[in-house]
Protein backbone atom coordinates (compact mmCIF):
# COMPACT_ATOMS: atom_id res chain seq x y z
CA UNK A 1 3.11 -1.33 33.00
CA UNK A 2 4.61 -3.49 36.31
CA UNK A 3 4.75 -6.94 34.01
CA UNK A 4 7.74 -9.26 33.89
CA UNK A 5 8.51 -10.23 30.49
CA UNK A 6 10.82 -13.26 30.68
CA UNK A 7 8.99 -14.61 33.26
CA UNK A 8 5.36 -14.14 31.66
CA UNK A 9 3.94 -12.31 35.32
CA UNK A 10 3.25 -9.46 37.37
CA UNK A 11 7.32 -8.49 38.10
CA UNK A 12 8.59 -9.58 41.61
CA UNK A 13 7.69 -7.13 44.52
CA UNK A 14 11.09 -5.88 44.27
CA UNK A 15 11.27 -4.59 40.98
CA UNK A 16 11.47 -0.90 40.27
CA UNK A 17 8.42 -0.45 38.57
CA UNK A 18 5.97 -1.05 41.45
CA UNK A 19 7.35 2.09 42.68
CA UNK A 20 7.51 4.31 39.60
CA UNK A 21 4.02 3.79 38.79
CA UNK A 22 0.81 4.20 40.29
CA UNK A 23 -0.26 0.93 40.11
CA UNK A 24 -0.44 -1.36 43.37
CA UNK A 25 -0.97 -5.39 43.30
CA UNK A 26 -4.35 -5.54 44.50
CA UNK A 27 -5.48 -3.61 41.43
CA UNK A 28 -4.45 -5.83 39.04
CA UNK A 29 -6.51 -9.34 37.21
CA UNK A 30 -5.28 -12.62 37.37
CA UNK A 31 -3.08 -13.86 34.05
CA UNK A 32 -4.05 -16.32 31.65
CA UNK A 33 -1.98 -17.70 28.97
CA UNK A 34 -3.31 -17.85 25.91
CA UNK A 35 -5.95 -20.99 25.39
CA UNK A 36 -6.52 -20.22 29.45
CA UNK A 37 -10.33 -20.28 30.84
CA UNK A 38 -11.04 -16.58 31.71
CA UNK A 39 -14.48 -17.44 32.65
CA UNK A 40 -18.01 -18.33 30.96
CA UNK A 41 -20.82 -15.81 29.51
CA UNK A 42 -23.04 -14.64 32.22
CA UNK A 43 -26.56 -14.21 31.40
CA UNK A 44 -26.68 -10.71 31.66
CA UNK A 45 -23.76 -10.45 29.28
CA UNK A 46 -25.72 -13.21 26.98
CA UNK A 47 -28.82 -10.91 27.42
CA UNK A 48 -27.15 -7.95 25.93
CA UNK A 49 -25.03 -9.63 23.42
CA UNK A 50 -26.76 -12.63 22.04
CA UNK A 51 -23.33 -14.42 22.98
CA UNK A 52 -25.05 -17.97 24.75
CA UNK A 53 -24.89 -18.24 28.54
CA UNK A 54 -22.33 -20.31 30.12
CA UNK A 55 -19.89 -20.44 26.54
CA UNK A 56 -16.20 -19.73 27.85
CA UNK A 57 -14.47 -17.51 27.46
CA UNK A 58 -10.78 -18.29 26.33
CA UNK A 59 -7.32 -16.01 26.46
CA UNK A 60 -5.78 -15.09 23.38
CA UNK A 61 -2.92 -12.74 22.68
CA UNK A 62 -1.92 -9.66 21.54
CA UNK A 63 -3.21 -8.77 17.63
CA UNK A 64 0.38 -8.72 16.16
CA UNK A 65 0.57 -12.37 18.67
CA UNK A 66 -2.13 -13.72 16.70
CA UNK A 67 -1.09 -12.70 13.45
CA UNK A 68 2.24 -14.66 13.71
CA UNK A 69 -0.28 -17.66 14.44
CA UNK A 70 -2.40 -17.46 12.40
CA UNK A 71 0.12 -16.80 8.99
CA UNK A 72 1.35 -20.66 10.41
CA UNK A 73 4.80 -19.35 11.49
CA UNK A 74 5.60 -21.56 14.57
CA UNK A 75 9.19 -22.31 14.33
CA UNK A 76 11.98 -19.71 14.43
CA UNK A 77 13.02 -19.45 10.87
CA UNK A 78 9.76 -18.79 9.83
CA UNK A 79 8.80 -14.78 10.17
CA UNK A 80 5.44 -13.15 9.74
CA UNK A 81 5.49 -10.10 7.83
CA UNK A 82 2.61 -7.90 8.87
CA UNK A 83 1.86 -5.32 6.07
CA UNK A 84 -0.73 -3.07 8.77
CA UNK A 85 -0.55 0.52 10.39
CA UNK A 86 1.83 -0.69 12.39
CA UNK A 87 4.66 -3.25 9.70
CA UNK A 88 6.50 -5.84 11.49
CA UNK A 89 8.18 -8.80 11.62
CA UNK A 90 7.96 -11.44 13.76
CA UNK A 91 9.00 -14.81 14.94
CA UNK A 92 8.37 -17.23 17.39
CA UNK A 93 11.00 -18.71 19.65
CA UNK A 94 10.68 -20.52 23.09
CA UNK A 95 14.29 -18.73 24.59
CA UNK A 96 13.86 -15.06 25.86
CA UNK A 97 16.32 -12.72 23.41
CA UNK A 98 15.79 -9.02 23.16
CA UNK A 99 16.11 -8.00 19.95
CA UNK A 100 16.69 -4.33 20.69
CA UNK A 101 18.89 -4.64 24.21
CA UNK A 102 16.50 -3.30 26.93
CA UNK A 103 13.21 -3.87 24.53
CA UNK A 104 11.42 -7.09 25.85
CA UNK A 105 9.83 -9.18 23.18
CA UNK A 106 5.83 -9.39 23.42
CA UNK A 107 4.86 -12.58 24.98
CA UNK A 108 3.49 -15.05 22.37
CA UNK A 109 0.31 -16.11 21.14
CA UNK A 110 1.61 -19.74 22.64
CA UNK A 111 2.13 -20.03 26.08
CA UNK A 112 5.80 -19.44 27.57
CA UNK A 113 7.18 -18.82 23.61
CA UNK A 114 8.10 -15.36 23.15
CA UNK A 115 7.53 -13.13 19.85
CA UNK A 116 11.04 -11.75 18.84
CA UNK A 117 9.62 -8.37 17.15
CA UNK A 118 10.87 -5.59 15.02
CA UNK A 119 8.20 -2.57 14.50
CA UNK A 120 8.19 0.29 11.67
CA UNK A 121 5.49 2.29 13.08
CA UNK A 122 3.23 4.50 10.22
CA UNK A 123 3.87 1.56 7.93
CA UNK A 124 1.12 0.68 5.75
CA UNK A 125 -0.37 4.19 7.29
CA UNK A 126 2.31 5.29 4.59
CA UNK A 127 -0.44 4.63 1.51
CA UNK A 128 -3.19 6.23 3.06
CA UNK A 129 -0.54 9.07 3.52
CA UNK A 130 0.68 8.95 -0.50
CA UNK A 131 -3.26 8.28 -0.99
CA UNK A 132 -4.55 11.25 0.57
CA UNK A 133 -1.60 14.43 -0.31
CA UNK A 134 -0.58 12.52 -3.56
CA UNK A 135 -3.53 10.13 -5.22
CA UNK A 136 -6.19 12.34 -5.85
CA UNK A 137 -6.88 11.40 -9.21
CA UNK A 138 -6.74 7.29 -8.40
CA UNK A 139 -9.30 8.21 -5.55
CA UNK A 140 -11.61 9.94 -8.10
CA UNK A 141 -10.84 7.86 -10.52
CA UNK A 142 -11.38 5.12 -8.53
CA UNK A 143 -14.56 6.03 -7.71
CA UNK A 144 -16.00 6.00 -10.94
CA UNK A 145 -15.42 2.89 -11.51
CA UNK A 146 -15.90 1.17 -8.91
CA UNK A 147 -12.86 0.61 -7.27
CA UNK A 148 -10.82 0.57 -4.05
CA UNK A 149 -7.92 3.54 -5.02
CA UNK A 150 -5.37 0.65 -3.72
CA UNK A 151 -6.22 -0.98 -7.12
CA UNK A 152 -4.87 1.62 -9.75
CA UNK A 153 -2.15 2.71 -7.36
CA UNK A 154 -1.20 -1.01 -7.63
CA UNK A 155 -0.66 -0.29 -11.87
CA UNK A 156 1.75 2.66 -10.92
CA UNK A 157 4.36 0.17 -9.51
CA UNK A 158 3.69 -1.92 -11.78
CA UNK A 159 5.17 1.22 -14.33
CA UNK A 160 8.64 1.54 -12.36
CA UNK A 161 11.25 -1.11 -12.39
CA UNK A 162 12.89 -2.50 -9.38
CA UNK A 163 14.78 0.39 -7.45
CA UNK A 164 12.87 2.99 -8.53
CA UNK A 165 15.68 4.35 -9.97
CA UNK A 166 17.93 5.17 -7.02
CA UNK A 167 15.03 6.57 -4.28
CA UNK A 168 15.35 5.73 -1.84
CA UNK A 169 13.18 6.03 0.91
CA UNK A 170 13.37 5.62 4.39
CA UNK A 171 10.36 5.28 6.69
CA UNK A 172 10.67 7.19 9.81
CA UNK A 173 7.51 8.80 9.06
CA UNK A 174 6.16 8.52 12.86
CA UNK A 175 8.11 11.54 15.30
CA UNK A 176 10.04 11.24 18.84
CA UNK A 177 10.76 6.98 18.11
CA UNK A 178 12.82 4.82 20.49
CA UNK A 179 13.94 2.92 17.63
CA UNK A 180 16.44 4.08 15.73
CA UNK A 181 16.34 7.01 17.96
CA UNK A 182 14.00 10.17 18.94
CA UNK A 183 15.34 12.26 16.77
CA UNK A 184 14.58 9.99 13.30
CA UNK A 185 12.83 11.79 10.12
CA UNK A 186 11.44 10.44 7.47
CA UNK A 187 14.31 11.12 4.13
CA UNK A 188 13.84 10.34 0.28
CA UNK A 189 16.72 10.92 -1.65
CA UNK A 190 18.23 9.88 -4.95
CA UNK A 191 15.81 12.31 -6.28
CA UNK A 192 16.57 13.48 -10.20
CA UNK A 193 14.05 15.16 -13.12
CA UNK A 194 12.73 10.94 -14.50
CA UNK A 195 11.20 10.84 -10.40
CA UNK A 196 7.16 10.88 -10.62
CA UNK A 197 4.15 10.32 -8.80
CA UNK A 198 4.64 6.73 -9.78
CA UNK A 199 7.98 6.36 -8.66
CA UNK A 200 7.44 7.76 -5.57
CA UNK A 201 4.91 5.74 -4.47
CA UNK A 202 7.27 2.24 -5.59
CA UNK A 203 9.68 3.79 -3.55
CA UNK A 204 7.87 3.96 0.03
CA UNK A 205 7.11 0.48 -0.31
CA UNK A 206 10.62 -0.65 -0.84
CA UNK A 207 11.75 1.69 1.84
CA UNK A 208 8.97 -0.32 4.58
CA UNK A 209 10.49 -3.76 3.12
CA UNK A 210 14.01 -2.41 3.83
CA UNK A 211 13.26 -1.86 6.77
CA UNK A 212 11.33 -5.34 8.15
CA UNK A 213 14.74 -6.98 5.90
CA UNK A 214 16.90 -4.87 8.45
CA UNK A 215 13.99 -5.89 11.13
CA UNK A 216 15.17 -10.27 10.13
CA UNK A 217 18.99 -9.38 9.86
CA UNK A 218 19.02 -7.61 13.51
CA UNK A 219 16.78 -11.17 14.16
CA UNK A 220 18.76 -13.57 12.89
CA UNK A 221 21.73 -12.21 14.21
CA UNK A 222 20.72 -12.01 17.68
CA UNK A 223 18.29 -14.99 17.90
CA UNK A 224 21.24 -17.10 15.53
CA UNK A 225 18.39 -18.53 13.79
CA UNK A 226 18.48 -17.67 9.59
CA UNK A 227 15.51 -16.86 8.46
CA UNK A 228 14.63 -18.58 5.17
CA UNK A 229 10.75 -18.37 4.59
CA UNK A 230 8.42 -15.40 5.22
CA UNK A 231 4.79 -14.97 5.69
CA UNK A 232 2.78 -11.46 4.55
CA UNK A 233 -0.08 -10.79 6.55
CA UNK A 234 -1.87 -7.73 6.89
CA UNK A 235 -3.66 -5.04 4.50
CA UNK A 236 -1.19 -4.44 2.88
CA UNK A 237 -0.58 -7.73 1.53
CA UNK A 238 -3.22 -7.74 -0.43
CA UNK A 239 -1.32 -6.12 -3.09
CA UNK A 240 0.43 -8.80 -5.37
CA UNK A 241 3.24 -6.08 -6.09
CA UNK A 242 4.12 -5.16 -2.78
CA UNK A 243 4.68 -8.79 -2.22
CA UNK A 244 6.55 -9.78 -5.22
CA UNK A 245 8.89 -6.83 -4.51
CA UNK A 246 9.18 -8.13 -1.02
CA UNK A 247 10.32 -10.95 -2.35
CA UNK A 248 12.58 -9.82 -4.53
CA UNK A 249 14.20 -7.64 -1.39
CA UNK A 250 14.35 -10.36 0.75
CA UNK A 251 15.63 -12.94 -1.96
CA UNK A 252 13.21 -15.47 -0.57
CA UNK A 253 9.52 -16.44 -1.67
CA UNK A 254 6.47 -14.30 0.29
CA UNK A 255 2.98 -15.90 1.07
CA UNK A 256 0.58 -15.28 1.47
CA UNK A 257 -2.06 -17.22 4.43
CA UNK A 258 -5.00 -18.69 3.04
CA UNK A 259 -7.17 -15.71 4.73
CA UNK A 260 -6.15 -12.36 5.12
CA UNK A 261 -7.40 -12.12 8.59
CA UNK A 262 -4.69 -14.07 10.22
CA UNK A 263 -5.09 -12.07 13.49
CA UNK A 264 -9.07 -13.36 14.01
CA UNK A 265 -7.70 -17.47 13.25
CA UNK A 266 -4.94 -16.76 15.54
CA UNK A 267 -7.17 -16.40 18.43
CA UNK A 268 -9.04 -18.49 16.98
CA UNK A 269 -6.26 -21.06 17.17
CA UNK A 270 -6.29 -20.42 20.90
CA UNK A 271 -9.85 -21.13 21.43
CA UNK A 272 -9.62 -24.41 19.55
CA UNK A 273 -6.60 -25.43 21.85
CA UNK A 274 -8.78 -24.15 24.72
CA UNK A 275 -11.77 -25.97 24.65
CA UNK A 276 -9.66 -29.01 23.48
CA UNK A 277 -10.71 -29.31 19.52
CA UNK A 278 -6.61 -29.79 18.96
CA UNK A 279 -4.55 -31.95 21.34
CA UNK A 280 -1.53 -28.75 20.88
CA UNK A 281 -0.94 -25.98 18.73
CA UNK A 282 0.77 -27.90 16.42
CA UNK A 283 -1.96 -29.87 15.30
CA UNK A 284 -3.92 -26.86 15.14
CA UNK A 285 -1.83 -24.72 13.36
CA UNK A 286 -1.10 -27.95 10.67
CA UNK A 287 -5.34 -28.07 10.46
CA UNK A 288 -5.74 -24.59 10.41
CA UNK A 289 -3.44 -22.95 8.69
CA UNK A 290 -2.12 -23.97 4.92
CA UNK A 291 -0.39 -21.16 2.43
CA UNK A 292 -2.27 -19.51 0.15
CA UNK A 293 -0.53 -17.76 -2.92
CA UNK A 294 3.30 -17.09 -3.35
CA UNK A 295 5.65 -15.19 -4.88
CA UNK A 296 8.91 -16.30 -6.18
CA UNK A 297 12.08 -13.71 -6.13
CA UNK A 298 13.11 -12.03 -8.92
CA UNK A 299 16.70 -12.88 -8.86
CA UNK A 300 17.33 -9.87 -11.70
CA UNK A 301 15.59 -7.78 -8.97
CA UNK A 302 16.89 -9.41 -6.03
CA UNK A 303 20.34 -8.31 -6.86
CA UNK A 304 19.66 -4.32 -7.44
CA UNK A 305 17.70 -4.22 -3.98
CA UNK A 306 20.52 -6.13 -2.23
CA UNK A 307 23.16 -3.24 -3.70
CA UNK A 308 20.59 -1.44 -3.34
CA UNK A 309 19.72 -2.46 0.22
CA UNK A 310 24.00 -2.98 1.49
CA UNK A 311 26.05 -0.11 -0.40
CA UNK A 312 22.65 2.64 0.30
CA UNK A 313 19.57 1.80 2.78
CA UNK A 314 21.77 0.88 5.60
CA UNK A 315 23.81 3.89 5.38
CA UNK A 316 21.44 6.26 5.29
CA UNK A 317 20.26 6.80 8.99
CA UNK A 318 23.63 7.31 10.45
CA UNK A 319 24.49 10.16 8.02
CA UNK A 320 21.50 11.41 8.28
CA UNK A 321 21.35 11.64 11.94
CA UNK A 322 23.62 14.62 12.72
CA UNK A 323 21.21 16.42 9.97
CA UNK A 324 18.36 15.27 12.00
CA UNK A 325 19.46 16.36 15.33
CA UNK A 326 19.87 19.72 13.77
CA UNK A 327 16.71 20.02 12.48
CA UNK A 328 15.32 18.79 15.65
CA UNK A 329 17.26 21.96 17.48
CA UNK A 330 16.80 24.14 14.80
CA UNK A 331 12.52 23.49 14.77
CA UNK A 332 11.77 21.81 17.65
CA UNK A 333 10.22 18.70 15.84
CA UNK A 334 9.79 16.04 16.81
CA UNK A 335 9.74 17.42 20.11
CA UNK A 336 11.61 15.91 22.39
CA UNK A 337 9.54 13.55 25.17
């Protein structure tokens, strides 16, 4: 889209994107910032939906941006970790910063601010992948017990020590990634005869948290701001073992917000400010959000994770990159775009 991410408006007439894309200015709507009034519910819409006619329609933001403020992450030192289909780490900043060169930050759900984001595509989707490919026993037993399969998978995590006895996973399951590179593929190294499905599952969650920690390091380096608090939200955050190992990997307390639907809460915060129910975002976030359960890092586990992260995980992609390129050249997967 011909959008100017830095100035939060449609691109200037001289921008190259107008020439590259089959889009003209008259085809695009007027932009309204978060908490701005888009309009009101028409009688026709009211008849079709049951929503009262005349009700103001307030602009919010993207789903992840709403999660950030719904989790109470207003300051740049507080990171929002989203354990969703795409796993992300976000921080809110007043300054435009490209965490990855040429990849712009997203507009925040707060007008005039930016959401610095690093994504792991196919993030907690990998839990569904594992459940489908390796968790049929848990799925069947869960159905008999009236539980969710994820509850039984959590028991598997707790049966494995921190570090999964050296089983290390690189979570690049989505083909054709721009970051770290289009040739990237997932990898699991360190197998031995001691490893079971439980080790594989725990290493999957550990790999995702290593990837988010790498994103946190990148954000901190580019923004010159240390992250000293983390909030964990999204579907995967209902798992206590997943949140605990994240606290252990980051070496920071991992806190869940008081509700799981933080994206919806973030949109409600935009609406509340837009309607004047709160005078500003600071007071709205302070009033409408609060911390839920917090998980303290285990120092012994953190030491193991820090060694594995620094000495193994951070080297995996660069060591495997030439082989990924050979695989792509031979098999044609991932396809070249």
